[in-house]
Amino acid sequence: MTRTLVAGMLIAACAQAQAAGTAGTEALVSGVPHDALFAVNFDGANGIVAGAPGKIFDTHDGGKTWKADTSFPTPLAVLGADLKGDRAIAVGQMGLVFVRDGGNGWKKIDAGTTERLMNVSLNSKGVAVAVGSFGTVIKSEDGGQTWAAIPPDWKPYLTTDQVEQGIQPHMSAAHVGEDGVITIAGEFSLILRSSDGGKTWTAVNKGEPTVFALDLRGDGVGYAVGQDGLILRTADGGATWTKLAAASKANLLGVRSTGNTLVVTAMHDMIASTDSGQSWRHVQTPDVLAAWYSGVAVADGTLIAVGHTGRIIKINL
C-alpha cells in the first residue's frame, strides 16, 4: 500500500468523522520525528509535560501556551512528571529522579534504584510515589528530596508459576491522594491500595491485561485503562472497580476525566465519553489514526494530550 493511498484513506476517514460530528484535535506544540512526550499534569493553571529525549515543557495559563525548559539536565527519557505548587518531580529511565523547587532549577536525586520509573504522583503535602519496572515502588515524604522503597509482597497476587519464576510485575501508574492513600497499577490488571503509607497493601483488582494509566479524582470517581481496550471505573476512590464495555481494542495509554466527560488516549485511537463511559465516540483525525498519544490531563475544562513527534494537542469534544 503506497503512502499516497494511506494518506488518502486517512483524509477520507477524517472527513467522514467531521461529517458525523465527532471530536477533533488542535496542535499546540509540535516537535521532530524522534521526539516523544509521555506525561502531562496540571495544578490549577500550571502544567508540566515530560518526554524524550530529556524533554520538559511548562505552562502557566492552563495549557494555552507552552515553553520548553531547556535547563533540564539529562537526555534520558522522562516517563512521568507531576507538580504541586512550586514543586515538580520528574522520573524516567535508569531510575532518574529530578526535583524542581520554585526558581531553583532541577536537582538530581538518588532514589536508590536504577530501574525504569514509569510514573510519579505528588500531593500538596509533599508525599510522592513513583513506580516502575520489576515491581519498583518508592515513596518520598519530603517532596522528592529523599526516597524509600515500599514494594508490596507480590506473591499473594501472582499464580504459583509466576511466583516460581520470580516474576515481579511491572508497575505503570501511581496515585497518592490528599488523604495519603496510595494506589498503584500495572501488569496482570493489578490495582493495589495502601492506607498506611505503603506498610500494607490490598489488591482491589486482578486479571490479565496490563493497566497503563490511572485517573482518581477527589470526589471518588476514577478510571483505569490498559491493554486490549481495558477500561475500569471506580466511584469510591479506588476501593472497588467495575469493568466497562470495551470501546476499542487498542492499547489504551492514558485517561483523564472531568465531570461526566472523559478521554482515553491510545495507539492509533482516541475515545471520548460524555456520560461517564456508558457510550463512546472515536476522535478520528489523521494524526490520531496514524500514531499515538499517551498522557492526557485537564485544566479548567480544557483537555490536553501529549504523544508522538513531541506533540501537545488540545482535544475539542
Protein backbone atom coordinates (compact mmCIF):
# COMPACT_ATOMS: atom_id res chain seq x y z
CA MET A 1 0.00 0.00 0.00
CA THR A 2 1.53 3.33 -1.06
CA ARG A 3 1.97 6.31 1.23
CA THR A 4 -0.31 8.31 -1.07
CA LEU A 5 -3.09 5.75 -0.71
CA VAL A 6 -2.68 5.61 3.08
CA ALA A 7 -2.79 9.40 3.30
CA GLY A 8 -5.90 9.44 1.14
CA MET A 9 -7.61 6.88 3.37
CA LEU A 10 -6.79 8.89 6.49
CA ILE A 11 -8.06 12.12 4.96
CA ALA A 12 -11.27 10.36 3.92
CA ALA A 13 -11.70 8.95 7.42
CA CYS A 14 -11.20 12.40 8.90
CA ALA A 15 -13.80 13.89 6.53
CA GLN A 16 -16.31 11.21 7.47
CA ALA A 17 -15.68 11.79 11.18
CA GLN A 18 -16.15 15.54 10.83
CA ALA A 19 -19.36 14.97 8.89
CA ALA A 20 -20.58 12.75 11.71
CA GLY A 21 -19.81 15.46 14.26
CA THR A 22 -17.11 13.59 16.14
CA ALA A 23 -14.35 15.23 18.15
CA GLY A 24 -11.16 16.79 16.81
CA THR A 25 -7.73 17.98 17.92
CA GLU A 26 -5.68 21.17 17.70
CA ALA A 27 -1.86 21.12 17.77
CA LEU A 28 -0.30 23.46 20.34
CA VAL A 29 3.32 22.23 20.12
CA SER A 30 5.00 20.01 17.51
CA GLY A 31 8.47 18.51 17.62
CA VAL A 32 10.60 16.35 15.33
CA PRO A 33 10.06 12.64 14.47
CA HIS A 34 12.34 11.31 17.21
CA ASP A 35 10.68 13.35 19.97
CA ALA A 36 8.11 11.66 22.21
CA LEU A 37 6.04 13.08 25.05
CA PHE A 38 4.63 10.71 27.67
CA ALA A 39 3.20 12.63 30.63
CA VAL A 40 1.16 15.74 31.34
CA ASN A 41 -0.24 17.02 34.64
CA PHE A 42 -1.73 20.26 35.94
CA ASP A 43 -2.06 22.02 39.26
CA GLY A 44 -4.51 24.81 38.56
CA ALA A 45 -3.27 26.82 35.59
CA ASN A 46 0.27 25.49 35.96
CA GLY A 47 1.16 22.39 33.97
CA ILE A 48 4.12 20.19 33.10
CA VAL A 49 4.81 17.88 30.15
CA ALA A 50 7.64 15.34 30.04
CA GLY A 51 9.18 13.13 27.39
CA ALA A 52 12.23 12.11 25.40
CA PRO A 53 14.99 12.93 24.86
CA GLY A 54 15.01 14.79 28.18
CA LYS A 55 12.02 16.97 27.29
CA ILE A 56 10.21 19.22 29.77
CA PHE A 57 7.57 21.82 28.87
CA ASP A 58 5.78 24.22 31.24
CA THR A 59 2.60 26.25 31.04
CA HIS A 60 1.17 28.89 33.37
CA ASP A 61 -2.03 29.67 31.50
CA GLY A 62 -3.93 26.42 31.64
CA GLY A 63 -2.20 24.89 28.63
CA LYS A 64 -2.87 27.66 26.12
CA THR A 65 0.85 28.25 25.61
CA TRP A 66 3.88 26.09 26.44
CA LYS A 67 7.58 26.83 26.91
CA ALA A 68 10.39 24.27 26.69
CA ASP A 69 12.57 24.06 29.80
CA THR A 70 15.97 23.87 28.13
CA SER A 71 17.72 23.68 31.52
CA PHE A 72 16.61 20.09 32.12
CA PRO A 73 19.95 18.32 32.74
CA THR A 74 19.68 14.91 31.05
CA PRO A 75 18.90 13.47 27.60
CA LEU A 76 17.36 10.34 29.18
CA ALA A 77 13.67 9.75 28.62
CA VAL A 78 11.38 11.32 31.22
CA LEU A 79 8.39 9.00 31.55
CA GLY A 80 6.47 10.63 34.39
CA ALA A 81 6.13 14.09 35.90
CA ASP A 82 3.85 15.79 38.40
CA LEU A 83 3.65 19.13 40.18
CA LYS A 84 2.02 20.79 43.16
CA GLY A 85 2.53 24.46 43.88
CA ASP A 86 6.15 25.44 43.17
CA ARG A 87 7.43 21.85 43.34
CA ALA A 88 7.77 19.45 40.39
CA ILE A 89 9.13 15.90 40.20
CA ALA A 90 10.27 14.14 37.02
CA VAL A 91 11.15 10.42 36.76
CA GLY A 92 12.28 8.10 34.00
CA GLN A 93 14.97 5.86 32.56
CA MET A 94 17.68 4.32 34.76
CA GLY A 95 15.86 5.33 37.93
CA LEU A 96 16.28 9.03 37.24
CA VAL A 97 14.56 11.39 39.66
CA PHE A 98 14.79 15.17 39.41
CA VAL A 99 13.12 17.73 41.67
CA ARG A 100 12.47 21.40 40.94
CA ASP A 101 11.53 23.79 43.75
CA GLY A 102 10.42 27.23 42.65
CA GLY A 103 13.07 29.01 40.63
CA ASN A 104 15.96 26.89 41.94
CA GLY A 105 16.22 24.71 38.85
CA TRP A 106 16.32 20.93 38.65
CA LYS A 107 18.21 18.88 41.25
CA LYS A 108 19.17 15.25 40.61
CA ILE A 109 18.10 12.91 43.41
CA ASP A 110 19.44 9.44 44.26
CA ALA A 111 16.24 7.47 44.77
CA GLY A 112 18.01 4.18 45.47
CA THR A 113 17.05 2.42 42.23
CA THR A 114 18.26 2.08 38.67
CA GLU A 115 15.02 0.54 37.42
CA ARG A 116 12.97 2.41 34.86
CA LEU A 117 10.44 4.65 36.62
CA MET A 118 7.23 4.91 34.63
CA ASN A 119 5.05 7.27 36.65
CA VAL A 120 5.04 9.60 39.65
CA SER A 121 2.29 11.20 41.73
CA LEU A 122 2.68 14.09 44.17
CA ASN A 123 0.18 15.55 46.65
CA SER A 124 0.09 19.01 48.23
CA LYS A 125 1.62 17.71 51.47
CA GLY A 126 4.82 16.67 49.69
CA VAL A 127 4.10 12.93 49.65
CA ALA A 128 5.18 11.38 46.35
CA VAL A 129 5.03 7.85 44.97
CA ALA A 130 6.84 6.57 41.87
CA VAL A 131 6.51 3.15 40.24
CA GLY A 132 8.39 1.25 37.57
CA SER A 133 9.81 -1.96 36.23
CA PHE A 134 10.14 -5.24 38.17
CA GLY A 135 7.79 -4.23 40.96
CA THR A 136 9.57 -0.99 41.85
CA VAL A 137 7.56 1.22 44.22
CA ILE A 138 9.25 4.12 46.03
CA LYS A 139 7.88 6.87 48.26
CA SER A 140 9.02 10.29 49.39
CA GLU A 141 7.56 12.27 52.30
CA ASP A 142 9.59 15.44 51.70
CA GLY A 143 8.65 16.48 48.19
CA GLY A 144 11.06 14.15 46.46
CA GLN A 145 14.26 15.01 48.33
CA THR A 146 14.61 11.52 49.86
CA TRP A 147 13.03 8.18 48.91
CA ALA A 148 12.38 4.76 50.43
CA ALA A 149 11.34 1.51 48.77
CA ILE A 150 7.81 0.35 49.69
CA PRO A 151 7.11 -2.58 47.33
CA PRO A 152 4.28 -4.97 48.20
CA ASP A 153 4.92 -8.65 48.76
CA TRP A 154 3.84 -9.69 45.27
CA LYS A 155 3.43 -13.43 45.98
CA PRO A 156 -0.20 -13.33 47.15
CA TYR A 157 -1.23 -11.63 43.91
CA LEU A 158 0.54 -13.98 41.48
CA THR A 159 -0.01 -17.53 40.27
CA THR A 160 2.16 -20.38 41.55
CA ASP A 161 4.00 -20.49 38.21
CA GLN A 162 4.65 -16.75 38.33
CA VAL A 163 5.99 -16.98 41.87
CA GLU A 164 8.28 -19.89 40.93
CA GLN A 165 9.62 -17.84 38.01
CA GLY A 166 10.45 -14.99 40.36
CA ILE A 167 8.20 -12.56 38.49
CA GLN A 168 7.83 -9.07 39.90
CA PRO A 169 5.13 -7.25 37.95
CA HIS A 170 5.97 -4.04 36.15
CA MET A 171 4.04 -1.09 37.58
CA SER A 172 2.86 1.62 35.19
CA ALA A 173 0.65 4.00 37.20
CA ALA A 174 0.58 5.60 40.64
CA HIS A 175 -1.66 7.97 42.58
CA VAL A 176 -1.30 9.44 46.06
CA GLY A 177 -4.38 11.23 47.35
CA GLU A 178 -4.56 14.24 49.61
CA ASP A 179 -5.56 11.78 52.35
CA GLY A 180 -2.32 9.85 51.79
CA VAL A 181 -3.98 6.76 50.29
CA ILE A 182 -1.65 5.24 47.67
CA THR A 183 -2.94 3.44 44.58
CA ILE A 184 -0.65 1.66 42.11
CA ALA A 185 -1.40 -0.36 38.99
CA GLY A 186 0.34 -2.40 36.31
CA GLU A 187 0.77 -5.92 34.97
CA PHE A 188 -1.88 -8.63 35.41
CA SER A 189 -4.54 -5.91 35.82
CA LEU A 190 -3.22 -5.42 39.33
CA ILE A 191 -4.53 -2.41 41.23
CA LEU A 192 -3.27 -2.20 44.82
CA ARG A 193 -4.11 0.28 47.57
CA SER A 194 -2.39 1.22 50.80
CA SER A 195 -3.85 3.47 53.50
CA ASP A 196 -0.83 3.28 55.81
CA GLY A 197 1.92 4.74 53.65
CA GLY A 198 2.87 1.50 51.94
CA LYS A 199 3.29 -0.69 55.03
CA THR A 200 0.42 -2.96 53.94
CA TRP A 201 -1.35 -3.39 50.61
CA THR A 202 -4.71 -4.66 49.41
CA ALA A 203 -5.34 -5.90 45.88
CA VAL A 204 -8.61 -4.39 44.61
CA ASN A 205 -8.34 -5.70 41.04
CA LYS A 206 -6.62 -8.61 39.26
CA GLY A 207 -6.82 -10.07 35.76
CA GLU A 208 -4.71 -10.41 32.64
CA PRO A 209 -4.32 -7.15 30.66
CA THR A 210 -1.77 -4.62 31.92
CA VAL A 211 -3.13 -1.39 33.38
CA PHE A 212 -1.20 1.53 31.87
CA ALA A 213 -2.88 4.57 33.44
CA LEU A 214 -4.98 5.71 36.40
CA ASP A 215 -7.19 8.74 36.97
CA LEU A 216 -8.51 9.20 40.51
CA ARG A 217 -10.45 12.36 41.35
CA GLY A 218 -11.06 13.98 44.70
CA ASP A 219 -14.77 13.14 44.52
CA GLY A 220 -14.01 9.41 44.44
CA VAL A 221 -14.68 8.83 40.74
CA GLY A 222 -11.83 7.30 38.78
CA TYR A 223 -10.81 5.26 35.76
CA ALA A 224 -8.07 2.81 34.85
CA VAL A 225 -7.18 1.80 31.29
CA GLY A 226 -4.83 -0.65 29.63
CA GLN A 227 -4.18 -3.45 27.16
CA ASP A 228 -6.78 -4.71 24.69
CA GLY A 229 -9.21 -1.89 25.38
CA LEU A 230 -9.39 -2.45 29.15
CA ILE A 231 -11.43 0.25 30.92
CA LEU A 232 -12.29 0.11 34.63
CA ARG A 233 -14.32 2.59 36.71
CA THR A 234 -14.49 3.32 40.43
CA ALA A 235 -16.91 5.51 42.36
CA ASP A 236 -15.38 5.05 45.82
CA GLY A 237 -11.86 6.35 45.46
CA GLY A 238 -10.45 3.12 44.08
CA ALA A 239 -11.67 0.69 46.74
CA THR A 240 -13.74 -1.24 44.17
CA TRP A 241 -13.64 -1.33 40.37
CA THR A 242 -16.14 -2.22 37.64
CA LYS A 243 -15.20 -3.17 34.10
CA LEU A 244 -16.81 -1.07 31.38
CA ALA A 245 -17.77 -2.40 27.96
CA ALA A 246 -14.83 -2.22 25.55
CA ALA A 247 -15.00 0.75 23.21
CA SER A 248 -11.68 -0.02 21.48
CA LYS A 249 -9.33 -2.98 21.13
CA ALA A 250 -6.29 -0.71 21.10
CA ASN A 251 -3.72 -0.49 23.88
CA LEU A 252 -5.13 2.36 25.97
CA LEU A 253 -2.32 4.53 27.34
CA GLY A 254 -3.88 7.45 29.20
CA VAL A 255 -7.14 8.55 30.79
CA ARG A 256 -8.49 11.73 32.37
CA SER A 257 -11.99 12.79 33.35
CA THR A 258 -13.86 15.89 34.40
CA GLY A 259 -17.49 15.65 35.43
CA ASN A 260 -19.15 13.11 33.14
CA THR A 261 -16.59 13.67 30.37
CA LEU A 262 -13.52 11.51 29.90
CA VAL A 263 -10.90 10.99 27.21
CA VAL A 264 -8.78 7.89 26.70
CA THR A 265 -5.61 8.04 24.58
CA ALA A 266 -4.21 5.04 22.73
CA MET A 267 -2.18 3.55 19.94
CA HIS A 268 -3.88 4.57 16.68
CA ASP A 269 -7.06 5.53 18.50
CA MET A 270 -8.58 8.01 20.94
CA ILE A 271 -12.00 7.65 22.50
CA ALA A 272 -14.20 10.08 24.40
CA SER A 273 -17.34 9.82 26.50
CA THR A 274 -19.69 12.47 27.88
CA ASP A 275 -21.74 10.07 30.01
CA SER A 276 -19.12 8.56 32.35
CA GLY A 277 -18.18 5.78 29.95
CA GLN A 278 -21.64 4.45 29.13
CA SER A 279 -21.21 5.37 25.47
CA TRP A 280 -18.18 6.38 23.40
CA ARG A 281 -17.12 8.11 20.23
CA HIS A 282 -13.77 7.99 18.45
CA VAL A 283 -11.56 11.02 17.83
CA GLN A 284 -10.83 10.18 14.20
CA THR A 285 -8.28 12.64 12.87
CA PRO A 286 -5.45 11.58 10.52
CA ASP A 287 -2.98 12.42 13.27
CA VAL A 288 -4.70 10.15 15.82
CA LEU A 289 -5.31 7.29 13.41
CA ALA A 290 -1.71 7.22 12.20
CA ALA A 291 0.17 7.45 15.51
CA TRP A 292 -0.27 7.53 19.29
CA TYR A 293 -0.96 9.75 22.28
CA SER A 294 -0.11 8.84 25.85
CA GLY A 295 -0.60 11.35 28.68
CA VAL A 296 -3.83 13.33 28.96
CA ALA A 297 -4.88 15.94 31.51
CA VAL A 298 -7.50 18.62 32.09
CA ALA A 299 -7.09 22.26 33.09
CA ASP A 300 -10.15 24.45 33.61
CA GLY A 301 -12.21 22.17 31.40
CA THR A 302 -9.61 22.05 28.61
CA LEU A 303 -8.36 18.58 27.70
CA ILE A 304 -4.68 18.35 26.73
CA ALA A 305 -2.90 15.25 25.37
CA VAL A 306 0.75 14.55 24.55
CA GLY A 307 2.42 11.96 22.37
CA HIS A 308 4.31 11.24 19.17
CA THR A 309 6.77 13.67 17.50
CA GLY A 310 6.75 15.90 20.57
CA ARG A 311 3.15 16.96 20.07
CA ILE A 312 0.98 18.72 22.65
CA ILE A 313 -2.63 18.92 21.48
CA LYS A 314 -5.93 20.35 22.64
CA ILE A 315 -8.86 17.95 22.34
CA ASN A 316 -12.11 19.52 21.15
CA LEU A 317 -15.17 17.44 22.04
